[in-house]
PDB file of N, CA and C in Angstrom:
ATOM      1  N   MET A   1       9.921 -35.177  31.287  1.00  0.00           N
ATOM      2  CA  MET A   1       9.931 -35.373  29.857  1.00  0.00           C
ATOM      3  C   MET A   1       9.295 -34.155  29.178  1.00  0.00           C
ATOM      4  N   GLU A   2       9.971 -33.652  28.159  1.00  0.00           N
ATOM      5  CA  GLU A   2       9.505 -32.465  27.457  1.00  0.00           C
ATOM      6  C   GLU A   2       8.530 -32.858  26.371  1.00  0.00           C
ATOM      7  N   LYS A   3       7.471 -32.087  26.270  1.00  0.00           N
ATOM      8  CA  LYS A   3       6.474 -32.347  25.247  1.00  0.00           C
ATOM      9  C   LYS A   3       6.898 -31.641  23.957  1.00  0.00           C
ATOM     10  N   GLN A   4       6.952 -32.373  22.872  1.00  0.00           N
ATOM     11  CA  GLN A   4       7.336 -31.775  21.597  1.00  0.00           C
ATOM     12  C   GLN A   4       6.092 -31.307  20.866  1.00  0.00           C
ATOM     13  N   HIS A   5       6.216 -30.118  20.320  1.00  0.00           N
ATOM     14  CA  HIS A   5       5.115 -29.560  19.533  1.00  0.00           C
ATOM     15  C   HIS A   5       5.435 -29.719  18.065  1.00  0.00           C
ATOM     16  N   THR A   6       4.510 -30.264  17.345  1.00  0.00           N
ATOM     17  CA  THR A   6       4.682 -30.358  15.904  1.00  0.00           C
ATOM     18  C   THR A   6       3.633 -29.481  15.255  1.00  0.00           C
ATOM     19  N   ARG A   7       4.019 -28.865  14.181  1.00  0.00           N
ATOM     20  CA  ARG A   7       3.095 -27.989  13.459  1.00  0.00           C
ATOM     21  C   ARG A   7       2.599 -28.718  12.232  1.00  0.00           C
ATOM     22  N   ASN A   8       1.334 -28.673  12.060  1.00  0.00           N
ATOM     23  CA  ASN A   8       0.725 -29.219  10.866  1.00  0.00           C
ATOM     24  C   ASN A   8       0.366 -28.032   9.972  1.00  0.00           C
ATOM     25  N   PRO A   9       1.082 -27.846   8.851  1.00  0.00           N
ATOM     26  CA  PRO A   9       0.842 -26.678   8.006  1.00  0.00           C
ATOM     27  C   PRO A   9      -0.595 -26.547   7.545  1.00  0.00           C
ATOM     28  N   SER A  10      -1.293 -27.660   7.355  1.00  0.00           N
ATOM     29  CA  SER A  10      -2.673 -27.568   6.875  1.00  0.00           C
ATOM     30  C   SER A  10      -3.614 -27.068   7.961  1.00  0.00           C
ATOM     31  N   SER A  11      -3.226 -27.169   9.227  1.00  0.00           N
ATOM     32  CA  SER A  11      -4.108 -26.695  10.289  1.00  0.00           C
ATOM     33  C   SER A  11      -3.732 -25.302  10.770  1.00  0.00           C
ATOM     34  N   ASP A  12      -2.676 -24.726  10.205  1.00  0.00           N
ATOM     35  CA  ASP A  12      -2.245 -23.381  10.575  1.00  0.00           C
ATOM     36  C   ASP A  12      -3.265 -22.378  10.055  1.00  0.00           C
ATOM     37  N   SER A  13      -3.763 -21.517  10.929  1.00  0.00           N
ATOM     38  CA  SER A  13      -4.820 -20.596  10.532  1.00  0.00           C
ATOM     39  C   SER A  13      -4.298 -19.254  10.045  1.00  0.00           C
ATOM     40  N   SER A  14      -2.995 -19.014  10.076  1.00  0.00           N
ATOM     41  CA  SER A  14      -2.485 -17.733   9.610  1.00  0.00           C
ATOM     42  C   SER A  14      -2.485 -17.698   8.086  1.00  0.00           C
ATOM     43  N   PRO A  15      -2.823 -16.536   7.529  1.00  0.00           N
ATOM     44  CA  PRO A  15      -2.914 -16.434   6.071  1.00  0.00           C
ATOM     45  C   PRO A  15      -1.545 -16.501   5.411  1.00  0.00           C
ATOM     46  N   SER A  16      -1.539 -16.983   4.199  1.00  0.00           N
ATOM     47  CA  SER A  16      -0.292 -17.053   3.440  1.00  0.00           C
ATOM     48  C   SER A  16       0.099 -15.649   2.986  1.00  0.00           C
ATOM     49  N   PRO A  17       1.366 -15.431   2.632  1.00  0.00           N
ATOM     50  CA  PRO A  17       1.777 -14.115   2.131  1.00  0.00           C
ATOM     51  C   PRO A  17       0.961 -13.670   0.929  1.00  0.00           C
ATOM     52  N   ALA A  18       0.600 -14.600   0.050  1.00  0.00           N
ATOM     53  CA  ALA A  18      -0.206 -14.236  -1.115  1.00  0.00           C
ATOM     54  C   ALA A  18      -1.570 -13.710  -0.694  1.00  0.00           C
ATOM     55  N   GLU A  19      -2.164 -14.345   0.331  1.00  0.00           N
ATOM     56  CA  GLU A  19      -3.463 -13.878   0.815  1.00  0.00           C
ATOM     57  C   GLU A  19      -3.346 -12.501   1.440  1.00  0.00           C
ATOM     58  N   LEU A  20      -2.279 -12.255   2.184  1.00  0.00           N
ATOM     59  CA  LEU A  20      -2.069 -10.940   2.779  1.00  0.00           C
ATOM     60  C   LEU A  20      -1.920  -9.884   1.698  1.00  0.00           C
ATOM     61  N   HIS A  21      -1.150 -10.191   0.661  1.00  0.00           N
ATOM     62  CA  HIS A  21      -0.937  -9.239  -0.425  1.00  0.00           C
ATOM     63  C   HIS A  21      -2.254  -8.941  -1.130  1.00  0.00           C
ATOM     64  N   ARG A  22      -3.047  -9.954  -1.354  1.00  0.00           N
ATOM     65  CA  ARG A  22      -4.325  -9.766  -2.020  1.00  0.00           C
ATOM     66  C   ARG A  22      -5.225  -8.870  -1.185  1.00  0.00           C
ATOM     67  N   THR A  23      -5.249  -9.071   0.114  1.00  0.00           N
ATOM     68  CA  THR A  23      -6.059  -8.250   1.009  1.00  0.00           C
ATOM     69  C   THR A  23      -5.578  -6.804   0.968  1.00  0.00           C
ATOM     70  N   ASP A  24      -4.275  -6.588   1.015  1.00  0.00           N
ATOM     71  CA  ASP A  24      -3.723  -5.239   0.932  1.00  0.00           C
ATOM     72  C   ASP A  24      -4.135  -4.568  -0.370  1.00  0.00           C
ATOM     73  N   ALA A  25      -4.076  -5.298  -1.458  1.00  0.00           N
ATOM     74  CA  ALA A  25      -4.429  -4.726  -2.756  1.00  0.00           C
ATOM     75  C   ALA A  25      -5.895  -4.321  -2.783  1.00  0.00           C
ATOM     76  N   ASP A  26      -6.771  -5.130  -2.205  1.00  0.00           N
ATOM     77  CA  ASP A  26      -8.187  -4.795  -2.169  1.00  0.00           C
ATOM     78  C   ASP A  26      -8.430  -3.527  -1.361  1.00  0.00           C
ATOM     79  N   VAL A  27      -7.766  -3.395  -0.231  1.00  0.00           N
ATOM     80  CA  VAL A  27      -7.929  -2.234   0.632  1.00  0.00           C
ATOM     81  C   VAL A  27      -7.388  -0.983  -0.052  1.00  0.00           C
ATOM     82  N   GLU A  28      -6.260  -1.107  -0.734  1.00  0.00           N
ATOM     83  CA  GLU A  28      -5.624   0.039  -1.364  1.00  0.00           C
ATOM     84  C   GLU A  28      -6.288   0.437  -2.672  1.00  0.00           C
ATOM     85  N   ASP A  29      -7.159  -0.378  -3.218  1.00  0.00           N
ATOM     86  CA  ASP A  29      -7.740  -0.120  -4.524  1.00  0.00           C
ATOM     87  C   ASP A  29      -8.396   1.256  -4.582  1.00  0.00           C
ATOM     88  N   ASP A  30      -9.194   1.610  -3.573  1.00  0.00           N
ATOM     89  CA  ASP A  30      -9.854   2.912  -3.559  1.00  0.00           C
ATOM     90  C   ASP A  30      -8.834   4.041  -3.459  1.00  0.00           C
ATOM     91  N   SER A  31      -7.797   3.849  -2.666  1.00  0.00           N
ATOM     92  CA  SER A  31      -6.752   4.861  -2.534  1.00  0.00           C
ATOM     93  C   SER A  31      -6.028   5.068  -3.858  1.00  0.00           C
ATOM     94  N   VAL A  32      -5.760   3.990  -4.557  1.00  0.00           N
ATOM     95  CA  VAL A  32      -5.063   4.084  -5.841  1.00  0.00           C
ATOM     96  C   VAL A  32      -5.943   4.824  -6.838  1.00  0.00           C
ATOM     97  N   LYS A  33      -7.234   4.553  -6.847  1.00  0.00           N
ATOM     98  CA  LYS A  33      -8.152   5.231  -7.766  1.00  0.00           C
ATOM     99  C   LYS A  33      -8.147   6.736  -7.525  1.00  0.00           C
ATOM    100  N   GLN A  34      -7.987   7.151  -6.280  1.00  0.00           N
ATOM    101  CA  GLN A  34      -7.971   8.577  -5.956  1.00  0.00           C
ATOM    102  C   GLN A  34      -6.741   9.276  -6.522  1.00  0.00           C
ATOM    103  N   LEU A  35      -5.701   8.539  -6.837  1.00  0.00           N
ATOM    104  CA  LEU A  35      -4.500   9.136  -7.404  1.00  0.00           C
ATOM    105  C   LEU A  35      -4.699   9.568  -8.848  1.00  0.00           C
ATOM    106  N   GLY A  36      -5.759   9.076  -9.468  1.00  0.00           N
ATOM    107  CA  GLY A  36      -6.082   9.456 -10.838  1.00  0.00           C
ATOM    108  C   GLY A  36      -4.966   9.148 -11.804  1.00  0.00           C
ATOM    109  N   GLU A  37      -4.496  10.197 -12.492  1.00  0.00           N
ATOM    110  CA  GLU A  37      -3.486  10.018 -13.535  1.00  0.00           C
ATOM    111  C   GLU A  37      -2.152   9.513 -12.996  1.00  0.00           C
ATOM    112  N   CYS A  38      -1.928   9.614 -11.697  1.00  0.00           N
ATOM    113  CA  CYS A  38      -0.666   9.154 -11.095  1.00  0.00           C
ATOM    114  C   CYS A  38      -0.750   7.705 -10.609  1.00  0.00           C
ATOM    115  N   SER A  39      -1.904   7.086 -10.735  1.00  0.00           N
ATOM    116  CA  SER A  39      -2.076   5.737 -10.174  1.00  0.00           C
ATOM    117  C   SER A  39      -1.149   4.708 -10.813  1.00  0.00           C
ATOM    118  N   SER A  40      -0.913   4.816 -12.114  1.00  0.00           N
ATOM    119  CA  SER A  40      -0.029   3.825 -12.758  1.00  0.00           C
ATOM    120  C   SER A  40       1.404   3.977 -12.256  1.00  0.00           C
ATOM    121  N   LEU A  41       1.813   5.217 -11.950  1.00  0.00           N
ATOM    122  CA  LEU A  41       3.152   5.434 -11.406  1.00  0.00           C
ATOM    123  C   LEU A  41       3.266   4.868  -9.998  1.00  0.00           C
ATOM    124  N   TYR A  42       2.201   5.010  -9.221  1.00  0.00           N
ATOM    125  CA  TYR A  42       2.174   4.440  -7.873  1.00  0.00           C
ATOM    126  C   TYR A  42       2.288   2.917  -7.935  1.00  0.00           C
ATOM    127  N   LEU A  43       1.541   2.312  -8.831  1.00  0.00           N
ATOM    128  CA  LEU A  43       1.582   0.853  -8.967  1.00  0.00           C
ATOM    129  C   LEU A  43       2.958   0.393  -9.454  1.00  0.00           C
ATOM    130  N   SER A  44       3.600   1.171 -10.320  1.00  0.00           N
ATOM    131  CA  SER A  44       4.958   0.847 -10.764  1.00  0.00           C
ATOM    132  C   SER A  44       5.930   0.888  -9.590  1.00  0.00           C
ATOM    133  N   LEU A  45       5.758   1.876  -8.724  1.00  0.00           N
ATOM    134  CA  LEU A  45       6.599   1.968  -7.531  1.00  0.00           C
ATOM    135  C   LEU A  45       6.369   0.757  -6.635  1.00  0.00           C
ATOM    136  N   GLN A  46       5.123   0.375  -6.438  1.00  0.00           N
ATOM    137  CA  GLN A  46       4.834  -0.797  -5.615  1.00  0.00           C
ATOM    138  C   GLN A  46       5.466  -2.053  -6.198  1.00  0.00           C
ATOM    139  N   ASP A  47       5.384  -2.212  -7.512  1.00  0.00           N
ATOM    140  CA  ASP A  47       6.004  -3.372  -8.165  1.00  0.00           C
ATOM    141  C   ASP A  47       7.516  -3.368  -7.952  1.00  0.00           C
ATOM    142  N   CYS A  48       8.118  -2.197  -8.103  1.00  0.00           N
ATOM    143  CA  CYS A  48       9.565  -2.098  -7.904  1.00  0.00           C
ATOM    144  C   CYS A  48       9.938  -2.498  -6.481  1.00  0.00           C
ATOM    145  N   LEU A  49       9.185  -2.007  -5.515  1.00  0.00           N
ATOM    146  CA  LEU A  49       9.485  -2.323  -4.116  1.00  0.00           C
ATOM    147  C   LEU A  49       9.348  -3.814  -3.835  1.00  0.00           C
ATOM    148  N   VAL A  50       8.352  -4.439  -4.420  1.00  0.00           N
ATOM    149  CA  VAL A  50       8.183  -5.884  -4.243  1.00  0.00           C
ATOM    150  C   VAL A  50       9.352  -6.630  -4.884  1.00  0.00           C
ATOM    151  N   ASN A  51       9.735  -6.210  -6.085  1.00  0.00           N
ATOM    152  CA  ASN A  51      10.801  -6.899  -6.825  1.00  0.00           C
ATOM    153  C   ASN A  51      12.185  -6.693  -6.225  1.00  0.00           C
ATOM    154  N   THR A  52      12.366  -5.631  -5.435  1.00  0.00           N
ATOM    155  CA  THR A  52      13.685  -5.345  -4.864  1.00  0.00           C
ATOM    156  C   THR A  52      13.711  -5.558  -3.354  1.00  0.00           C
ATOM    157  N   ASN A  53      12.731  -6.276  -2.834  1.00  0.00           N
ATOM    158  CA  ASN A  53      12.660  -6.544  -1.403  1.00  0.00           C
ATOM    159  C   ASN A  53      12.628  -5.242  -0.588  1.00  0.00           C
ATOM    160  N   ARG A  54      11.754  -4.317  -1.035  1.00  0.00           N
ATOM    161  CA  ARG A  54      11.516  -3.028  -0.362  1.00  0.00           C
ATOM    162  C   ARG A  54      12.760  -2.142  -0.311  1.00  0.00           C
ATOM    163  N   ASN A  55      13.617  -2.221  -1.315  1.00  0.00           N
ATOM    164  CA  ASN A  55      14.824  -1.408  -1.369  1.00  0.00           C
ATOM    165  C   ASN A  55      14.502  -0.089  -2.082  1.00  0.00           C
ATOM    166  N   TRP A  56      14.248   0.948  -1.293  1.00  0.00           N
ATOM    167  CA  TRP A  56      13.857   2.252  -1.827  1.00  0.00           C
ATOM    168  C   TRP A  56      14.942   2.857  -2.707  1.00  0.00           C
ATOM    169  N   LYS A  57      16.184   2.588  -2.402  1.00  0.00           N
ATOM    170  CA  LYS A  57      17.282   3.160  -3.194  1.00  0.00           C
ATOM    171  C   LYS A  57      17.225   2.687  -4.642  1.00  0.00           C
ATOM    172  N   GLN A  58      16.823   1.453  -4.854  1.00  0.00           N
ATOM    173  CA  GLN A  58      16.756   0.917  -6.207  1.00  0.00           C
ATOM    174  C   GLN A  58      15.506   1.380  -6.953  1.00  0.00           C
ATOM    175  N   CYS A  59      14.585   2.035  -6.261  1.00  0.00           N
ATOM    176  CA  CYS A  59      13.323   2.453  -6.872  1.00  0.00           C
ATOM    177  C   CYS A  59      13.212   3.973  -6.981  1.00  0.00           C
ATOM    178  N   GLN A  60      14.327   4.666  -6.944  1.00  0.00           N
ATOM    179  CA  GLN A  60      14.286   6.127  -6.971  1.00  0.00           C
ATOM    180  C   GLN A  60      13.698   6.683  -8.270  1.00  0.00           C
ATOM    181  N   LYS A  61      13.890   5.997  -9.381  1.00  0.00           N
ATOM    182  CA  LYS A  61      13.301   6.449 -10.647  1.00  0.00           C
ATOM    183  C   LYS A  61      11.779   6.498 -10.512  1.00  0.00           C
ATOM    184  N   GLU A  62      11.200   5.457  -9.920  1.00  0.00           N
ATOM    185  CA  GLU A  62       9.746   5.395  -9.737  1.00  0.00           C
ATOM    186  C   GLU A  62       9.279   6.414  -8.699  1.00  0.00           C
ATOM    187  N   VAL A  63      10.056   6.585  -7.621  1.00  0.00           N
ATOM    188  CA  VAL A  63       9.715   7.560  -6.587  1.00  0.00           C
ATOM    189  C   VAL A  63       9.670   8.956  -7.192  1.00  0.00           C
ATOM    190  N   GLN A  64      10.693   9.306  -7.971  1.00  0.00           N
ATOM    191  CA  GLN A  64      10.766  10.643  -8.559  1.00  0.00           C
ATOM    192  C   GLN A  64       9.651  10.866  -9.594  1.00  0.00           C
ATOM    193  N   ALA A  65       9.312   9.839 -10.345  1.00  0.00           N
ATOM    194  CA  ALA A  65       8.228   9.964 -11.329  1.00  0.00           C
ATOM    195  C   ALA A  65       6.899  10.210 -10.620  1.00  0.00           C
ATOM    196  N   LEU A  66       6.648   9.488  -9.537  1.00  0.00           N
ATOM    197  CA  LEU A  66       5.411   9.675  -8.784  1.00  0.00           C
ATOM    198  C   LEU A  66       5.380  11.066  -8.150  1.00  0.00           C
ATOM    199  N   LYS A  67       6.490  11.508  -7.628  1.00  0.00           N
ATOM    200  CA  LYS A  67       6.575  12.839  -7.018  1.00  0.00           C
ATOM    201  C   LYS A  67       6.299  13.923  -8.059  1.00  0.00           C
ATOM    202  N   ALA A  68       6.900  13.790  -9.233  1.00  0.00           N
ATOM    203  CA  ALA A  68       6.702  14.777 -10.299  1.00  0.00           C
ATOM    204  C   ALA A  68       5.231  14.817 -10.735  1.00  0.00           C
ATOM    205  N   CYS A  69       4.618  13.667 -10.855  1.00  0.00           N
ATOM    206  CA  CYS A  69       3.209  13.607 -11.240  1.00  0.00           C
ATOM    207  C   CYS A  69       2.339  14.264 -10.171  1.00  0.00           C
ATOM    208  N   SER A  70       2.616  13.951  -8.926  1.00  0.00           N
ATOM    209  CA  SER A  70       1.850  14.522  -7.818  1.00  0.00           C
ATOM    210  C   SER A  70       2.009  16.038  -7.765  1.00  0.00           C
ATOM    211  N   ASP A  71       3.236  16.519  -7.935  1.00  0.00           N
ATOM    212  CA  ASP A  71       3.488  17.961  -7.944  1.00  0.00           C
ATOM    213  C   ASP A  71       2.762  18.636  -9.092  1.00  0.00           C
ATOM    214  N   HIS A  72       2.808  18.011 -10.282  1.00  0.00           N
ATOM    215  CA  HIS A  72       2.140  18.563 -11.455  1.00  0.00           C
ATOM    216  C   HIS A  72       0.628  18.622 -11.244  1.00  0.00           C
ATOM    217  N   LYS A  73       0.086  17.561 -10.680  1.00  0.00           N
ATOM    218  CA  LYS A  73      -1.353  17.485 -10.419  1.00  0.00           C
ATOM    219  C   LYS A  73      -1.765  18.579  -9.418  1.00  0.00           C
ATOM    220  N   ARG A  74      -0.949  18.788  -8.403  1.00  0.00           N
ATOM    221  CA  ARG A  74      -1.237  19.792  -7.379  1.00  0.00           C
ATOM    222  C   ARG A  74      -1.211  21.202  -7.973  1.00  0.00           C
ATOM    223  N   MET A  75      -0.291  21.454  -8.905  1.00  0.00           N
ATOM    224  CA  MET A  75      -0.169  22.780  -9.521  1.00  0.00           C
ATOM    225  C   MET A  75      -1.346  23.094 -10.435  1.00  0.00           C
ATOM    226  N   LYS A  76      -1.952  22.056 -11.013  1.00  0.00           N
ATOM    227  CA  LYS A  76      -3.095  22.253 -11.916  1.00  0.00           C
ATOM    228  C   LYS A  76      -4.352  22.658 -11.170  1.00  0.00           C
ATOM    229  N   GLN A  77      -4.404  22.388  -9.872  1.00  0.00           N
ATOM    230  CA  GLN A  77      -5.633  22.645  -9.097  1.00  0.00           C
ATOM    231  C   GLN A  77      -5.812  24.087  -8.798  1.00  0.00           C
TER     232      GLN A  77
END
């Protein structure tokens, strides 16, 4: 006789996707601050990627804006 395993969602110890996202945001916070004037463009890119299920092709406007900001910032140094 085969033993059936049932999962009780309330006893599952793995974090929810929302908890994982929150943890990622906390870790990345210092990195985003280091981007300075380009940080809002980086966050816009992240939002686009989340909204398009990580489809980079649909986020090229944001990618190019972040690249231009980064290039401009590098030239000022």
